Amino acid sequence: MAVAPAERVRRALGGLAPGGAREFALQAARVLARAVPFDGFCVLTMDPATHLPTNEIVQNGLPAAAKPYA
């Protein structure tokens, strides 16, 4: 029986080895890009107590000129 593409992606994401947020985000992006093509991504880590962002992992993000805080 063939596995549905969404289930394949779920399994691949569930099988990623933790190795820090950056490595996990890059691995997850490779898995997701096979199912849903994209030009770039941004992953935020968050403090679970305050829900404030603590870090970001960005690949092919907005140019500095497009950011209001740059």
PDB file of N, CA and C in Angstrom:
ATOM      1  N   MET A   1       0.842  -1.176   0.000  1.00  0.00           N
ATOM      2  CA  MET A   1       0.000   0.000   0.000  1.00  0.00           C
ATOM      3  C   MET A   1       0.888   1.241   0.000  1.00  0.00           C
ATOM      4  N   ALA A   2       0.602   2.182  -0.874  1.00  0.00           N
ATOM      5  CA  ALA A   2       1.387   3.406  -0.977  1.00  0.00           C
ATOM      6  C   ALA A   2       1.053   4.349   0.178  1.00  0.00           C
ATOM      7  N   VAL A   3       2.070   5.051   0.646  1.00  0.00           N
ATOM      8  CA  VAL A   3       1.884   6.020   1.719  1.00  0.00           C
ATOM      9  C   VAL A   3       1.559   7.373   1.088  1.00  0.00           C
ATOM     10  N   ALA A   4       0.533   8.035   1.603  1.00  0.00           N
ATOM     11  CA  ALA A   4       0.137   9.344   1.083  1.00  0.00           C
ATOM     12  C   ALA A   4       1.265  10.344   1.297  1.00  0.00           C
ATOM     13  N   PRO A   5       1.424  11.302   0.380  1.00  0.00           N
ATOM     14  CA  PRO A   5       2.501  12.279   0.519  1.00  0.00           C
ATOM     15  C   PRO A   5       2.502  13.008   1.869  1.00  0.00           C
ATOM     16  N   ALA A   6       1.339  13.392   2.366  1.00  0.00           N
ATOM     17  CA  ALA A   6       1.285  14.099   3.654  1.00  0.00           C
ATOM     18  C   ALA A   6       1.797  13.206   4.777  1.00  0.00           C
ATOM     19  N   GLU A   7       1.456  11.943   4.741  1.00  0.00           N
ATOM     20  CA  GLU A   7       1.927  11.016   5.776  1.00  0.00           C
ATOM     21  C   GLU A   7       3.436  10.812   5.679  1.00  0.00           C
ATOM     22  N   ARG A   8       3.957  10.773   4.460  1.00  0.00           N
ATOM     23  CA  ARG A   8       5.412  10.664   4.274  1.00  0.00           C
ATOM     24  C   ARG A   8       6.131  11.857   4.888  1.00  0.00           C
ATOM     25  N   VAL A   9       5.583  13.044   4.670  1.00  0.00           N
ATOM     26  CA  VAL A   9       6.179  14.261   5.235  1.00  0.00           C
ATOM     27  C   VAL A   9       6.113  14.209   6.755  1.00  0.00           C
ATOM     28  N   ARG A  10       4.958  13.830   7.315  1.00  0.00           N
ATOM     29  CA  ARG A  10       4.821  13.716   8.775  1.00  0.00           C
ATOM     30  C   ARG A  10       5.842  12.762   9.348  1.00  0.00           C
ATOM     31  N   ARG A  11       5.994  11.619   8.721  1.00  0.00           N
ATOM     32  CA  ARG A  11       6.965  10.629   9.210  1.00  0.00           C
ATOM     33  C   ARG A  11       8.390  11.163   9.133  1.00  0.00           C
ATOM     34  N   ALA A  12       8.706  11.817   8.022  1.00  0.00           N
ATOM     35  CA  ALA A  12      10.060  12.361   7.857  1.00  0.00           C
ATOM     36  C   ALA A  12      10.339  13.443   8.901  1.00  0.00           C
ATOM     37  N   LEU A  13       9.367  14.306   9.153  1.00  0.00           N
ATOM     38  CA  LEU A  13       9.552  15.353  10.158  1.00  0.00           C
ATOM     39  C   LEU A  13       9.674  14.747  11.554  1.00  0.00           C
ATOM     40  N   GLY A  14       8.866  13.739  11.837  1.00  0.00           N
ATOM     41  CA  GLY A  14       8.920  13.080  13.143  1.00  0.00           C
ATOM     42  C   GLY A  14      10.225  12.339  13.375  1.00  0.00           C
ATOM     43  N   GLY A  15      10.899  11.963  12.298  1.00  0.00           N
ATOM     44  CA  GLY A  15      12.148  11.232  12.421  1.00  0.00           C
ATOM     45  C   GLY A  15      13.392  12.098  12.466  1.00  0.00           C
ATOM     46  N   LEU A  16      13.216  13.423  12.431  1.00  0.00           N
ATOM     47  CA  LEU A  16      14.383  14.294  12.477  1.00  0.00           C
ATOM     48  C   LEU A  16      15.036  14.241  13.850  1.00  0.00           C
ATOM     49  N   ALA A  17      16.339  14.193  13.848  1.00  0.00           N
ATOM     50  CA  ALA A  17      17.086  14.139  15.106  1.00  0.00           C
ATOM     51  C   ALA A  17      17.294  15.549  15.647  1.00  0.00           C
ATOM     52  N   PRO A  18      17.019  15.745  16.923  1.00  0.00           N
ATOM     53  CA  PRO A  18      17.292  17.058  17.489  1.00  0.00           C
ATOM     54  C   PRO A  18      18.795  17.311  17.507  1.00  0.00           C
ATOM     55  N   GLY A  19      19.181  18.495  17.163  1.00  0.00           N
ATOM     56  CA  GLY A  19      20.595  18.847  17.153  1.00  0.00           C
ATOM     57  C   GLY A  19      20.730  20.349  17.249  1.00  0.00           C
ATOM     58  N   GLY A  20      19.814  20.960  17.936  1.00  0.00           N
ATOM     59  CA  GLY A  20      19.773  22.412  18.011  1.00  0.00           C
ATOM     60  C   GLY A  20      18.716  22.947  17.067  1.00  0.00           C
ATOM     61  N   ALA A  21      18.235  24.126  17.373  1.00  0.00           N
ATOM     62  CA  ALA A  21      17.135  24.711  16.611  1.00  0.00           C
ATOM     63  C   ALA A  21      17.520  24.953  15.159  1.00  0.00           C
ATOM     64  N   ARG A  22      18.721  25.461  14.914  1.00  0.00           N
ATOM     65  CA  ARG A  22      19.134  25.780  13.547  1.00  0.00           C
ATOM     66  C   ARG A  22      19.196  24.514  12.694  1.00  0.00           C
ATOM     67  N   GLU A  23      19.838  23.480  13.197  1.00  0.00           N
ATOM     68  CA  GLU A  23      19.966  22.241  12.423  1.00  0.00           C
ATOM     69  C   GLU A  23      18.598  21.613  12.187  1.00  0.00           C
ATOM     70  N   PHE A  24      17.733  21.632  13.209  1.00  0.00           N
ATOM     71  CA  PHE A  24      16.390  21.078  13.054  1.00  0.00           C
ATOM     72  C   PHE A  24      15.614  21.842  11.982  1.00  0.00           C
ATOM     73  N   ALA A  25      15.674  23.192  12.024  1.00  0.00           N
ATOM     74  CA  ALA A  25      14.948  24.011  11.048  1.00  0.00           C
ATOM     75  C   ALA A  25      15.440  23.733   9.633  1.00  0.00           C
ATOM     76  N   LEU A  26      16.747  23.615   9.450  1.00  0.00           N
ATOM     77  CA  LEU A  26      17.295  23.351   8.119  1.00  0.00           C
ATOM     78  C   LEU A  26      16.875  21.971   7.610  1.00  0.00           C
ATOM     79  N   GLN A  27      16.903  20.967   8.494  1.00  0.00           N
ATOM     80  CA  GLN A  27      16.465  19.625   8.106  1.00  0.00           C
ATOM     81  C   GLN A  27      14.978  19.628   7.761  1.00  0.00           C
ATOM     82  N   ALA A  28      14.174  20.288   8.587  1.00  0.00           N
ATOM     83  CA  ALA A  28      12.730  20.348   8.338  1.00  0.00           C
ATOM     84  C   ALA A  28      12.438  21.056   7.020  1.00  0.00           C
ATOM     85  N   ALA A  29      13.179  22.111   6.730  1.00  0.00           N
ATOM     86  CA  ALA A  29      12.976  22.835   5.473  1.00  0.00           C
ATOM     87  C   ALA A  29      13.267  21.938   4.274  1.00  0.00           C
ATOM     88  N   ARG A  30      14.301  21.119   4.360  1.00  0.00           N
ATOM     89  CA  ARG A  30      14.611  20.191   3.256  1.00  0.00           C
ATOM     90  C   ARG A  30      13.476  19.198   3.050  1.00  0.00           C
ATOM     91  N   VAL A  31      12.918  18.685   4.143  1.00  0.00           N
ATOM     92  CA  VAL A  31      11.800  17.735   4.050  1.00  0.00           C
ATOM     93  C   VAL A  31      10.582  18.424   3.438  1.00  0.00           C
ATOM     94  N   LEU A  32      10.232  19.595   3.961  1.00  0.00           N
ATOM     95  CA  LEU A  32       9.040  20.301   3.484  1.00  0.00           C
ATOM     96  C   LEU A  32       9.177  20.754   2.034  1.00  0.00           C
ATOM     97  N   ALA A  33      10.379  21.135   1.621  1.00  0.00           N
ATOM     98  CA  ALA A  33      10.585  21.628   0.252  1.00  0.00           C
ATOM     99  C   ALA A  33      10.307  20.550  -0.791  1.00  0.00           C
ATOM    100  N   ARG A  34      10.442  19.295  -0.420  1.00  0.00           N
ATOM    101  CA  ARG A  34      10.137  18.211  -1.367  1.00  0.00           C
ATOM    102  C   ARG A  34       8.629  18.111  -1.604  1.00  0.00           C
ATOM    103  N   ALA A  35       7.834  18.536  -0.626  1.00  0.00           N
ATOM    104  CA  ALA A  35       6.376  18.444  -0.748  1.00  0.00           C
ATOM    105  C   ALA A  35       5.745  19.762  -1.185  1.00  0.00           C
ATOM    106  N   VAL A  36       6.298  20.875  -0.705  1.00  0.00           N
ATOM    107  CA  VAL A  36       5.742  22.194  -0.992  1.00  0.00           C
ATOM    108  C   VAL A  36       6.908  23.128  -1.319  1.00  0.00           C
ATOM    109  N   PRO A  37       7.130  23.410  -2.579  1.00  0.00           N
ATOM    110  CA  PRO A  37       8.252  24.286  -2.937  1.00  0.00           C
ATOM    111  C   PRO A  37       8.085  25.690  -2.328  1.00  0.00           C
ATOM    112  N   PHE A  38       9.184  26.273  -1.914  1.00  0.00           N
ATOM    113  CA  PHE A  38       9.178  27.632  -1.380  1.00  0.00           C
ATOM    114  C   PHE A  38      10.517  28.286  -1.646  1.00  0.00           C
ATOM    115  N   ASP A  39      10.532  29.609  -1.574  1.00  0.00           N
ATOM    116  CA  ASP A  39      11.747  30.372  -1.851  1.00  0.00           C
ATOM    117  C   ASP A  39      12.562  30.667  -0.605  1.00  0.00           C
ATOM    118  N   GLY A  40      11.940  30.678   0.542  1.00  0.00           N
ATOM    119  CA  GLY A  40      12.641  30.976   1.778  1.00  0.00           C
ATOM    120  C   GLY A  40      11.784  30.603   2.968  1.00  0.00           C
ATOM    121  N   PHE A  41      12.391  30.671   4.149  1.00  0.00           N
ATOM    122  CA  PHE A  41      11.634  30.346   5.352  1.00  0.00           C
ATOM    123  C   PHE A  41      12.191  31.114   6.543  1.00  0.00           C
ATOM    124  N   CYS A  42      11.369  31.201   7.575  1.00  0.00           N
ATOM    125  CA  CYS A  42      11.764  31.791   8.846  1.00  0.00           C
ATOM    126  C   CYS A  42      11.164  30.930   9.953  1.00  0.00           C
ATOM    127  N   VAL A  43      12.000  30.507  10.874  1.00  0.00           N
ATOM    128  CA  VAL A  43      11.557  29.730  12.026  1.00  0.00           C
ATOM    129  C   VAL A  43      11.934  30.516  13.274  1.00  0.00           C
ATOM    130  N   LEU A  44      10.980  30.690  14.163  1.00  0.00           N
ATOM    131  CA  LEU A  44      11.247  31.380  15.426  1.00  0.00           C
ATOM    132  C   LEU A  44      11.274  30.382  16.560  1.00  0.00           C
ATOM    133  N   THR A  45      12.228  30.541  17.483  1.00  0.00           N
ATOM    134  CA  THR A  45      12.179  29.820  18.746  1.00  0.00           C
ATOM    135  C   THR A  45      11.521  30.768  19.746  1.00  0.00           C
ATOM    136  N   MET A  46      10.803  30.181  20.699  1.00  0.00           N
ATOM    137  CA  MET A  46      10.050  31.019  21.626  1.00  0.00           C
ATOM    138  C   MET A  46      10.256  30.558  23.061  1.00  0.00           C
ATOM    139  N   ASP A  47      10.212  31.508  23.963  1.00  0.00           N
ATOM    140  CA  ASP A  47      10.255  31.214  25.387  1.00  0.00           C
ATOM    141  C   ASP A  47       8.883  30.656  25.774  1.00  0.00           C
ATOM    142  N   PRO A  48       8.829  29.442  26.319  1.00  0.00           N
ATOM    143  CA  PRO A  48       7.517  28.845  26.616  1.00  0.00           C
ATOM    144  C   PRO A  48       6.753  29.571  27.720  1.00  0.00           C
ATOM    145  N   ALA A  49       7.438  30.279  28.590  1.00  0.00           N
ATOM    146  CA  ALA A  49       6.749  30.967  29.677  1.00  0.00           C
ATOM    147  C   ALA A  49       6.129  32.281  29.207  1.00  0.00           C
ATOM    148  N   THR A  50       6.845  33.021  28.371  1.00  0.00           N
ATOM    149  CA  THR A  50       6.369  34.344  27.963  1.00  0.00           C
ATOM    150  C   THR A  50       5.824  34.383  26.542  1.00  0.00           C
ATOM    151  N   HIS A  51       6.107  33.342  25.765  1.00  0.00           N
ATOM    152  CA  HIS A  51       5.749  33.267  24.343  1.00  0.00           C
ATOM    153  C   HIS A  51       6.418  34.365  23.518  1.00  0.00           C
ATOM    154  N   LEU A  52       7.517  34.881  24.017  1.00  0.00           N
ATOM    155  CA  LEU A  52       8.287  35.872  23.270  1.00  0.00           C
ATOM    156  C   LEU A  52       9.330  35.165  22.413  1.00  0.00           C
ATOM    157  N   PRO A  53       9.592  35.668  21.209  1.00  0.00           N
ATOM    158  CA  PRO A  53      10.622  35.053  20.370  1.00  0.00           C
ATOM    159  C   PRO A  53      12.001  35.224  21.003  1.00  0.00           C
ATOM    160  N   THR A  54      12.813  34.186  20.898  1.00  0.00           N
ATOM    161  CA  THR A  54      14.165  34.222  21.459  1.00  0.00           C
ATOM    162  C   THR A  54      15.236  34.146  20.380  1.00  0.00           C
ATOM    163  N   ASN A  55      14.904  33.654  19.209  1.00  0.00           N
ATOM    164  CA  ASN A  55      15.874  33.522  18.127  1.00  0.00           C
ATOM    165  C   ASN A  55      15.108  33.300  16.822  1.00  0.00           C
ATOM    166  N   GLU A  56      15.798  33.485  15.708  1.00  0.00           N
ATOM    167  CA  GLU A  56      15.194  33.205  14.410  1.00  0.00           C
ATOM    168  C   GLU A  56      16.205  32.500  13.531  1.00  0.00           C
ATOM    169  N   ILE A  57      15.704  31.625  12.693  1.00  0.00           N
ATOM    170  CA  ILE A  57      16.496  30.944  11.675  1.00  0.00           C
ATOM    171  C   ILE A  57      15.853  31.337  10.353  1.00  0.00           C
ATOM    172  N   VAL A  58      16.589  32.043   9.511  1.00  0.00           N
ATOM    173  CA  VAL A  58      16.050  32.577   8.268  1.00  0.00           C
ATOM    174  C   VAL A  58      16.918  32.127   7.104  1.00  0.00           C
ATOM    175  N   GLN A  59      16.271  31.732   6.039  1.00  0.00           N
ATOM    176  CA  GLN A  59      16.975  31.399   4.804  1.00  0.00           C
ATOM    177  C   GLN A  59      16.235  32.088   3.660  1.00  0.00           C
ATOM    178  N   ASN A  60      16.954  32.901   2.901  1.00  0.00           N
ATOM    179  CA  ASN A  60      16.371  33.664   1.797  1.00  0.00           C
ATOM    180  C   ASN A  60      15.230  34.549   2.282  1.00  0.00           C
ATOM    181  N   GLY A  61      15.474  35.264   3.375  1.00  0.00           N
ATOM    182  CA  GLY A  61      14.463  36.156   3.927  1.00  0.00           C
ATOM    183  C   GLY A  61      14.405  37.473   3.179  1.00  0.00           C
ATOM    184  N   LEU A  62      13.695  38.399   3.747  1.00  0.00           N
ATOM    185  CA  LEU A  62      13.548  39.721   3.143  1.00  0.00           C
ATOM    186  C   LEU A  62      14.891  40.449   3.136  1.00  0.00           C
ATOM    187  N   PRO A  63      15.130  41.268   2.111  1.00  0.00           N
ATOM    188  CA  PRO A  63      16.347  42.079   2.113  1.00  0.00           C
ATOM    189  C   PRO A  63      16.270  43.128   3.222  1.00  0.00           C
ATOM    190  N   ALA A  64      17.408  43.587   3.692  1.00  0.00           N
ATOM    191  CA  ALA A  64      17.451  44.544   4.792  1.00  0.00           C
ATOM    192  C   ALA A  64      16.616  45.785   4.505  1.00  0.00           C
ATOM    193  N   ALA A  65      16.587  46.233   3.268  1.00  0.00           N
ATOM    194  CA  ALA A  65      15.829  47.433   2.913  1.00  0.00           C
ATOM    195  C   ALA A  65      14.330  47.261   3.125  1.00  0.00           C
ATOM    196  N   ALA A  66      13.832  46.030   3.133  1.00  0.00           N
ATOM    197  CA  ALA A  66      12.398  45.775   3.290  1.00  0.00           C
ATOM    198  C   ALA A  66      11.987  45.652   4.761  1.00  0.00           C
ATOM    199  N   LYS A  67      12.971  45.646   5.658  1.00  0.00           N
ATOM    200  CA  LYS A  67      12.671  45.486   7.080  1.00  0.00           C
ATOM    201  C   LYS A  67      12.612  46.860   7.750  1.00  0.00           C
ATOM    202  N   PRO A  68      11.543  47.126   8.463  1.00  0.00           N
ATOM    203  CA  PRO A  68      11.415  48.432   9.100  1.00  0.00           C
ATOM    204  C   PRO A  68      12.439  48.663  10.218  1.00  0.00           C
ATOM    205  N   TYR A  69      12.998  47.593  10.770  1.00  0.00           N
ATOM    206  CA  TYR A  69      13.918  47.709  11.891  1.00  0.00           C
ATOM    207  C   TYR A  69      15.377  47.542  11.467  1.00  0.00           C
ATOM    208  N   ALA A  70      15.632  47.433  10.181  1.00  0.00           N
ATOM    209  CA  ALA A  70      17.005  47.187   9.706  1.00  0.00           C
ATOM    210  C   ALA A  70      17.867  48.423   9.824  1.00  0.00           C
TER     211      ALA A  70
END
